[in-house]
C-alpha atoms as a PDB file:
ATOM      1  CA  UNK A   1     154.824 204.487 132.291  1.00  0.00           C
ATOM      2  CA  UNK A   2     153.311 205.290 129.023  1.00  0.00           C
ATOM      3  CA  UNK A   3     150.941 208.288 128.299  1.00  0.00           C
ATOM      4  CA  UNK A   4     147.763 207.481 126.169  1.00  0.00           C
ATOM      5  CA  UNK A   5     145.614 210.656 126.608  1.00  0.00           C
ATOM      6  CA  UNK A   6     146.785 213.897 128.331  1.00  0.00           C
ATOM      7  CA  UNK A   7     143.140 214.518 128.990  1.00  0.00           C
ATOM      8  CA  UNK A   8     141.306 213.168 132.453  1.00  0.00           C
ATOM      9  CA  UNK A   9     138.049 210.980 130.550  1.00  0.00           C
ATOM     10  CA  UNK A  10     134.402 211.560 131.852  1.00  0.00           C
ATOM     11  CA  UNK A  11     134.693 207.487 132.004  1.00  0.00           C
ATOM     12  CA  UNK A  12     136.484 204.548 131.016  1.00  0.00           C
ATOM     13  CA  UNK A  13     134.965 201.255 130.244  1.00  0.00           C
ATOM     14  CA  UNK A  14     137.554 197.841 129.832  1.00  0.00           C
ATOM     15  CA  UNK A  15     136.732 195.571 126.853  1.00  0.00           C
ATOM     16  CA  UNK A  16     138.581 192.687 125.420  1.00  0.00           C
ATOM     17  CA  UNK A  17     141.288 194.470 123.670  1.00  0.00           C
ATOM     18  CA  UNK A  18     141.852 197.475 125.597  1.00  0.00           C
ATOM     19  CA  UNK A  19     139.526 200.104 126.949  1.00  0.00           C
ATOM     20  CA  UNK A  20     136.641 202.775 125.722  1.00  0.00           C
ATOM     21  CA  UNK A  21     136.730 206.309 127.059  1.00  0.00           C
ATOM     22  CA  UNK A  22     134.081 208.842 127.357  1.00  0.00           C
ATOM     23  CA  UNK A  23     135.738 212.513 126.406  1.00  0.00           C
ATOM     24  CA  UNK A  24     134.366 216.128 126.721  1.00  0.00           C
ATOM     25  CA  UNK A  25     133.927 217.280 122.839  1.00  0.00           C
ATOM     26  CA  UNK A  26     132.957 220.934 122.969  1.00  0.00           C
ATOM     27  CA  UNK A  27     129.256 222.525 123.204  1.00  0.00           C
ATOM     28  CA  UNK A  28     126.409 222.359 120.958  1.00  0.00           C
ATOM     29  CA  UNK A  29     124.351 225.405 119.908  1.00  0.00           C
ATOM     30  CA  UNK A  30     122.538 225.423 122.847  1.00  0.00           C
ATOM     31  CA  UNK A  31     125.479 225.296 125.261  1.00  0.00           C
ATOM     32  CA  UNK A  32     125.041 221.333 126.170  1.00  0.00           C
ATOM     33  CA  UNK A  33     128.074 219.549 126.575  1.00  0.00           C
ATOM     34  CA  UNK A  34     128.886 217.001 123.671  1.00  0.00           C
ATOM     35  CA  UNK A  35     131.071 213.823 124.243  1.00  0.00           C
ATOM     36  CA  UNK A  36     132.784 211.311 121.843  1.00  0.00           C
ATOM     37  CA  UNK A  37     133.912 207.962 122.802  1.00  0.00           C
ATOM     38  CA  UNK A  38     137.498 206.645 122.244  1.00  0.00           C
ATOM     39  CA  UNK A  39     138.856 202.847 122.168  1.00  0.00           C
ATOM     40  CA  UNK A  40     142.331 202.018 122.780  1.00  0.00           C
ATOM     41  CA  UNK A  41     143.603 198.564 121.595  1.00  0.00           C
ATOM     42  CA  UNK A  42     146.333 197.917 123.776  1.00  0.00           C
ATOM     43  CA  UNK A  43     148.292 195.111 121.591  1.00  0.00           C
ATOM     44  CA  UNK A  44     147.900 197.313 118.041  1.00  0.00           C
ATOM     45  CA  UNK A  45     148.622 200.475 120.320  1.00  0.00           C
ATOM     46  CA  UNK A  46     146.016 202.046 118.371  1.00  0.00           C
ATOM     47  CA  UNK A  47     143.403 204.673 119.273  1.00  0.00           C
ATOM     48  CA  UNK A  48     140.061 205.025 117.376  1.00  0.00           C
ATOM     49  CA  UNK A  49     136.736 206.472 117.401  1.00  0.00           C
ATOM     50  CA  UNK A  50     134.113 204.095 118.716  1.00  0.00           C
ATOM     51  CA  UNK A  51     130.073 204.616 119.784  1.00  0.00           C
ATOM     52  CA  UNK A  52     127.754 205.124 122.262  1.00  0.00           C
ATOM     53  CA  UNK A  53     126.246 201.738 121.774  1.00  0.00           C
ATOM     54  CA  UNK A  54     130.078 200.037 122.184  1.00  0.00           C
ATOM     55  CA  UNK A  55     130.210 201.824 125.323  1.00  0.00           C
ATOM     56  CA  UNK A  56     127.519 200.730 126.763  1.00  0.00           C
ATOM     57  CA  UNK A  57     127.893 197.196 126.106  1.00  0.00           C
ATOM     58  CA  UNK A  58     130.813 197.085 127.497  1.00  0.00           C
ATOM     59  CA  UNK A  59     129.453 198.818 130.694  1.00  0.00           C
ATOM     60  CA  UNK A  60     126.280 197.256 131.094  1.00  0.00           C
ATOM     61  CA  UNK A  61     126.152 194.068 129.338  1.00  0.00           C
ATOM     62  CA  UNK A  62     123.705 192.659 126.826  1.00  0.00           C
ATOM     63  CA  UNK A  63     120.421 194.619 128.108  1.00  0.00           C
ATOM     64  CA  UNK A  64     122.554 198.000 127.895  1.00  0.00           C
ATOM     65  CA  UNK A  65     119.673 199.343 125.707  1.00  0.00           C
ATOM     66  CA  UNK A  66     116.918 198.950 128.301  1.00  0.00           C
ATOM     67  CA  UNK A  67     119.154 199.740 131.403  1.00  0.00           C
ATOM     68  CA  UNK A  68     120.203 203.475 129.524  1.00  0.00           C
ATOM     69  CA  UNK A  69     116.755 203.739 128.635  1.00  0.00           C
ATOM     70  CA  UNK A  70     115.873 204.334 132.071  1.00  0.00           C
ATOM     71  CA  UNK A  71     118.533 206.295 133.489  1.00  0.00           C
ATOM     72  CA  UNK A  72     119.428 209.831 132.979  1.00  0.00           C
ATOM     73  CA  UNK A  73     122.757 209.438 133.419  1.00  0.00           C
ATOM     74  CA  UNK A  74     124.790 206.815 131.991  1.00  0.00           C
ATOM     75  CA  UNK A  75     128.245 207.984 132.329  1.00  0.00           C
ATOM     76  CA  UNK A  76     128.859 209.063 135.740  1.00  0.00           C
ATOM     77  CA  UNK A  77     127.573 205.846 137.421  1.00  0.00           C
ATOM     78  CA  UNK A  78     129.620 202.942 138.385  1.00  0.00           C
ATOM     79  CA  UNK A  79     128.401 199.367 137.972  1.00  0.00           C
ATOM     80  CA  UNK A  80     129.002 196.110 139.348  1.00  0.00           C
ATOM     81  CA  UNK A  81     127.381 192.903 137.877  1.00  0.00           C
ATOM     82  CA  UNK A  82     127.159 189.885 140.306  1.00  0.00           C
ATOM     83  CA  UNK A  83     127.744 186.436 138.889  1.00  0.00           C
ATOM     84  CA  UNK A  84     123.646 185.873 138.491  1.00  0.00           C
ATOM     85  CA  UNK A  85     123.914 188.768 136.135  1.00  0.00           C
ATOM     86  CA  UNK A  86     122.324 191.116 138.378  1.00  0.00           C
ATOM     87  CA  UNK A  87     123.204 194.833 138.122  1.00  0.00           C
ATOM     88  CA  UNK A  88     123.997 197.512 140.687  1.00  0.00           C
ATOM     89  CA  UNK A  89     124.945 200.992 139.585  1.00  0.00           C
ATOM     90  CA  UNK A  90     126.425 203.589 142.191  1.00  0.00           C
ATOM     91  CA  UNK A  91     126.348 207.533 141.412  1.00  0.00           C
ATOM     92  CA  UNK A  92     129.187 209.851 143.009  1.00  0.00           C
ATOM     93  CA  UNK A  93     125.702 211.735 145.064  1.00  0.00           C
ATOM     94  CA  UNK A  94     125.281 208.393 146.740  1.00  0.00           C
ATOM     95  CA  UNK A  95     122.291 207.072 144.516  1.00  0.00           C
ATOM     96  CA  UNK A  96     122.123 203.245 143.674  1.00  0.00           C
ATOM     97  CA  UNK A  97     120.016 201.128 141.828  1.00  0.00           C
ATOM     98  CA  UNK A  98     119.516 197.382 141.386  1.00  0.00           C
ATOM     99  CA  UNK A  99     118.446 195.885 137.962  1.00  0.00           C
ATOM    100  CA  UNK A 100     117.838 192.122 137.126  1.00  0.00           C
ATOM    101  CA  UNK A 101     119.697 190.100 134.703  1.00  0.00           C
ATOM    102  CA  UNK A 102     116.959 191.202 132.086  1.00  0.00           C
ATOM    103  CA  UNK A 103     117.345 194.838 132.522  1.00  0.00           C
ATOM    104  CA  UNK A 104     114.275 195.235 135.101  1.00  0.00           C
ATOM    105  CA  UNK A 105     114.692 198.055 138.068  1.00  0.00           C
ATOM    106  CA  UNK A 106     114.227 196.220 141.030  1.00  0.00           C
ATOM    107  CA  UNK A 107     115.218 198.710 143.451  1.00  0.00           C
ATOM    108  CA  UNK A 108     116.914 202.323 143.815  1.00  0.00           C
ATOM    109  CA  UNK A 109     117.549 204.350 146.894  1.00  0.00           C
ATOM    110  CA  UNK A 110     120.576 205.962 148.197  1.00  0.00           C
ATOM    111  CA  UNK A 111     123.654 204.672 150.514  1.00  0.00           C
ATOM    112  CA  UNK A 112     124.873 207.810 152.958  1.00  0.00           C
ATOM    113  CA  UNK A 113     127.353 206.817 155.082  1.00  0.00           C
ATOM    114  CA  UNK A 114     127.677 209.363 158.310  1.00  0.00           C
ATOM    115  CA  UNK A 115     126.154 212.000 156.119  1.00  0.00           C
ATOM    116  CA  UNK A 116     128.652 211.448 152.998  1.00  0.00           C
ATOM    117  CA  UNK A 117     127.646 209.900 149.562  1.00  0.00           C
ATOM    118  CA  UNK A 118     129.698 206.749 148.553  1.00  0.00           C
ATOM    119  CA  UNK A 119     131.085 205.992 144.980  1.00  0.00           C
ATOM    120  CA  UNK A 120     132.506 203.578 143.180  1.00  0.00           C
ATOM    121  CA  UNK A 121     131.749 199.536 143.223  1.00  0.00           C
ATOM    122  CA  UNK A 122     133.509 196.240 143.311  1.00  0.00           C
ATOM    123  CA  UNK A 123     131.729 193.269 143.903  1.00  0.00           C
ATOM    124  CA  UNK A 124     132.563 190.608 146.206  1.00  0.00           C
ATOM    125  CA  UNK A 125     130.649 187.371 146.703  1.00  0.00           C
ATOM    126  CA  UNK A 126     127.261 188.689 147.945  1.00  0.00           C
ATOM    127  CA  UNK A 127     128.663 191.908 149.088  1.00  0.00           C
ATOM    128  CA  UNK A 128     129.720 195.335 147.517  1.00  0.00           C
ATOM    129  CA  UNK A 129     132.803 197.369 148.299  1.00  0.00           C
ATOM    130  CA  UNK A 130     132.422 201.336 148.055  1.00  0.00           C
ATOM    131  CA  UNK A 131     134.449 204.189 148.630  1.00  0.00           C
ATOM    132  CA  UNK A 132     133.311 207.190 151.230  1.00  0.00           C
ATOM    133  CA  UNK A 133     136.032 209.881 150.040  1.00  0.00           C
ATOM    134  CA  UNK A 134     134.866 212.301 152.788  1.00  0.00           C
ATOM    135  CA  UNK A 135     135.837 209.942 155.369  1.00  0.00           C
ATOM    136  CA  UNK A 136     138.986 208.597 154.238  1.00  0.00           C
ATOM    137  CA  UNK A 137     137.392 205.091 153.887  1.00  0.00           C
ATOM    138  CA  UNK A 138     135.814 202.201 152.294  1.00  0.00           C
ATOM    139  CA  UNK A 139     132.924 200.364 153.382  1.00  0.00           C
ATOM    140  CA  UNK A 140     131.578 196.901 152.553  1.00  0.00           C
ATOM    141  CA  UNK A 141     127.230 196.866 151.848  1.00  0.00           C
ATOM    142  CA  UNK A 142     125.042 194.372 151.591  1.00  0.00           C
ATOM    143  CA  UNK A 143     122.574 194.760 149.113  1.00  0.00           C
ATOM    144  CA  UNK A 144     120.227 192.006 150.474  1.00  0.00           C
ATOM    145  CA  UNK A 145     119.798 193.507 153.804  1.00  0.00           C
ATOM    146  CA  UNK A 146     120.812 196.863 152.649  1.00  0.00           C
ATOM    147  CA  UNK A 147     123.495 197.793 155.874  1.00  0.00           C
ATOM    148  CA  UNK A 148     126.727 198.521 155.832  1.00  0.00           C
ATOM    149  CA  UNK A 149     128.624 195.643 157.812  1.00  0.00           C
ATOM    150  CA  UNK A 150     132.306 196.663 157.689  1.00  0.00           C
ATOM    151  CA  UNK A 151     134.523 199.775 157.152  1.00  0.00           C
ATOM    152  CA  UNK A 152     138.286 200.063 156.468  1.00  0.00           C
ATOM    153  CA  UNK A 153     139.867 203.340 157.225  1.00  0.00           C
ATOM    154  CA  UNK A 154     138.842 206.198 158.660  1.00  0.00           C
ATOM    155  CA  UNK A 155     139.320 210.204 158.942  1.00  0.00           C
ATOM    156  CA  UNK A 156     143.032 210.066 160.216  1.00  0.00           C
ATOM    157  CA  UNK A 157     144.069 207.184 158.089  1.00  0.00           C
ATOM    158  CA  UNK A 158     147.554 207.954 156.187  1.00  0.00           C
ATOM    159  CA  UNK A 159     147.124 205.610 153.597  1.00  0.00           C
ATOM    160  CA  UNK A 160     143.488 205.901 152.407  1.00  0.00           C
ATOM    161  CA  UNK A 161     143.083 209.706 151.850  1.00  0.00           C
ATOM    162  CA  UNK A 162     139.834 210.481 149.665  1.00  0.00           C
ATOM    163  CA  UNK A 163     139.515 207.581 148.080  1.00  0.00           C
ATOM    164  CA  UNK A 164     137.932 207.686 144.674  1.00  0.00           C
ATOM    165  CA  UNK A 165     137.412 204.072 143.028  1.00  0.00           C
ATOM    166  CA  UNK A 166     137.719 200.710 144.399  1.00  0.00           C
ATOM    167  CA  UNK A 167     138.183 197.643 142.076  1.00  0.00           C
ATOM    168  CA  UNK A 168     138.612 193.748 143.410  1.00  0.00           C
ATOM    169  CA  UNK A 169     141.468 191.539 141.828  1.00  0.00           C
ATOM    170  CA  UNK A 170     141.467 187.803 142.828  1.00  0.00           C
ATOM    171  CA  UNK A 171     141.555 188.169 147.096  1.00  0.00           C
ATOM    172  CA  UNK A 172     142.323 191.989 147.362  1.00  0.00           C
ATOM    173  CA  UNK A 173     140.969 195.553 146.651  1.00  0.00           C
ATOM    174  CA  UNK A 174     143.003 197.809 145.043  1.00  0.00           C
ATOM    175  CA  UNK A 175     141.655 201.454 146.256  1.00  0.00           C
ATOM    176  CA  UNK A 176     142.838 204.880 144.416  1.00  0.00           C
ATOM    177  CA  UNK A 177     143.442 207.847 146.423  1.00  0.00           C
ATOM    178  CA  UNK A 178     143.027 211.541 145.557  1.00  0.00           C
ATOM    179  CA  UNK A 179     145.083 213.286 148.200  1.00  0.00           C
ATOM    180  CA  UNK A 180     147.671 210.639 149.069  1.00  0.00           C
ATOM    181  CA  UNK A 181     148.646 210.177 144.912  1.00  0.00           C
ATOM    182  CA  UNK A 182     148.779 206.314 145.511  1.00  0.00           C
ATOM    183  CA  UNK A 183     147.252 202.995 144.786  1.00  0.00           C
ATOM    184  CA  UNK A 184     146.380 200.982 147.869  1.00  0.00           C
ATOM    185  CA  UNK A 185     146.229 196.852 148.290  1.00  0.00           C
ATOM    186  CA  UNK A 186     143.933 195.877 150.749  1.00  0.00           C
ATOM    187  CA  UNK A 187     144.208 191.464 151.418  1.00  0.00           C
ATOM    188  CA  UNK A 188     140.361 190.577 151.772  1.00  0.00           C
ATOM    189  CA  UNK A 189     142.555 187.856 154.144  1.00  0.00           C
ATOM    190  CA  UNK A 190     143.397 189.923 156.924  1.00  0.00           C
ATOM    191  CA  UNK A 191     141.972 193.632 155.729  1.00  0.00           C
ATOM    192  CA  UNK A 192     145.848 195.087 156.004  1.00  0.00           C
ATOM    193  CA  UNK A 193     146.346 198.136 153.979  1.00  0.00           C
ATOM    194  CA  UNK A 194     149.833 198.734 151.822  1.00  0.00           C
ATOM    195  CA  UNK A 195     150.351 201.203 149.428  1.00  0.00           C
ATOM    196  CA  UNK A 196     150.347 199.253 146.199  1.00  0.00           C
ATOM    197  CA  UNK A 197     152.064 202.388 143.916  1.00  0.00           C
ATOM    198  CA  UNK A 198     152.642 205.742 144.470  1.00  0.00           C
ATOM    199  CA  UNK A 199     152.561 208.530 141.787  1.00  0.00           C
ATOM    200  CA  UNK A 200     153.135 212.593 141.888  1.00  0.00           C
ATOM    201  CA  UNK A 201     149.471 213.400 141.580  1.00  0.00           C
ATOM    202  CA  UNK A 202     145.833 212.343 142.277  1.00  0.00           C
ATOM    203  CA  UNK A 203     145.034 208.507 141.569  1.00  0.00           C
ATOM    204  CA  UNK A 204     141.619 208.311 139.980  1.00  0.00           C
ATOM    205  CA  UNK A 205     140.943 205.252 138.378  1.00  0.00           C
ATOM    206  CA  UNK A 206     142.796 201.622 138.065  1.00  0.00           C
ATOM    207  CA  UNK A 207     142.533 198.767 135.495  1.00  0.00           C
ATOM    208  CA  UNK A 208     144.280 195.517 134.597  1.00  0.00           C
ATOM    209  CA  UNK A 209     143.563 194.722 130.725  1.00  0.00           C
ATOM    210  CA  UNK A 210     145.229 191.450 129.059  1.00  0.00           C
ATOM    211  CA  UNK A 211     148.164 191.988 131.954  1.00  0.00           C
ATOM    212  CA  UNK A 212     148.331 195.697 131.445  1.00  0.00           C
ATOM    213  CA  UNK A 213     147.871 198.074 134.524  1.00  0.00           C
ATOM    214  CA  UNK A 214     145.793 200.746 133.442  1.00  0.00           C
ATOM    215  CA  UNK A 215     145.688 204.351 135.739  1.00  0.00           C
ATOM    216  CA  UNK A 216     143.961 207.348 135.564  1.00  0.00           C
ATOM    217  CA  UNK A 217     145.951 210.523 137.140  1.00  0.00           C
ATOM    218  CA  UNK A 218     144.790 213.709 137.067  1.00  0.00           C
ATOM    219  CA  UNK A 219     147.281 214.461 133.631  1.00  0.00           C
ATOM    220  CA  UNK A 220     145.531 211.432 132.047  1.00  0.00           C
ATOM    221  CA  UNK A 221     145.596 207.885 131.079  1.00  0.00           C
ATOM    222  CA  UNK A 222     148.681 206.096 131.452  1.00  0.00           C
ATOM    223  CA  UNK A 223     149.441 202.188 131.014  1.00  0.00           C
ATOM    224  CA  UNK A 224     152.488 201.410 133.649  1.00  0.00           C
END
């Protein structure tokens, strides 16, 4: 396991050669937080400065300017893009938004499950999966019917413990758990939950890029 950055990023987004991170970079004279964008090229093992536009393009797609102008916070939201290019955003507060392929806002609302907000997003056919950290669960939500139709985990779950993010790869979900220090793998064929990888500290994000596995732990960003 190789550490790339020894800080916890505000956001991390994959791109063709690696990933782009948003990091805190001090405060301005008014006390507002300043941010910087860095890109990491996996094949060349190089870290370089990037730009806001490159970050937004890889996060929201070609209509990033239209979308980013309509939202007050483009960093803390998770993004799911459907095959028809419709874009869904989820904030850690449970606030959600749906944009058409041209960047037009179609719907906004809140997804609260048992009085707790959801976070993260993974597109699965016509559904999205989100985590519910306070309930040690992930849920499947239909943007069409605006309903939750399935839940995995629960208050007494021993594997899903404060899940922070979810990623779909082929026919499986990979869930990063902050309190059980592991990545869970859930088969979408039978919904069996297993520990995929275990660590000695909280796991916040998991990505696969060019065959490499990248994780965000509480101590920084690593390539496995």
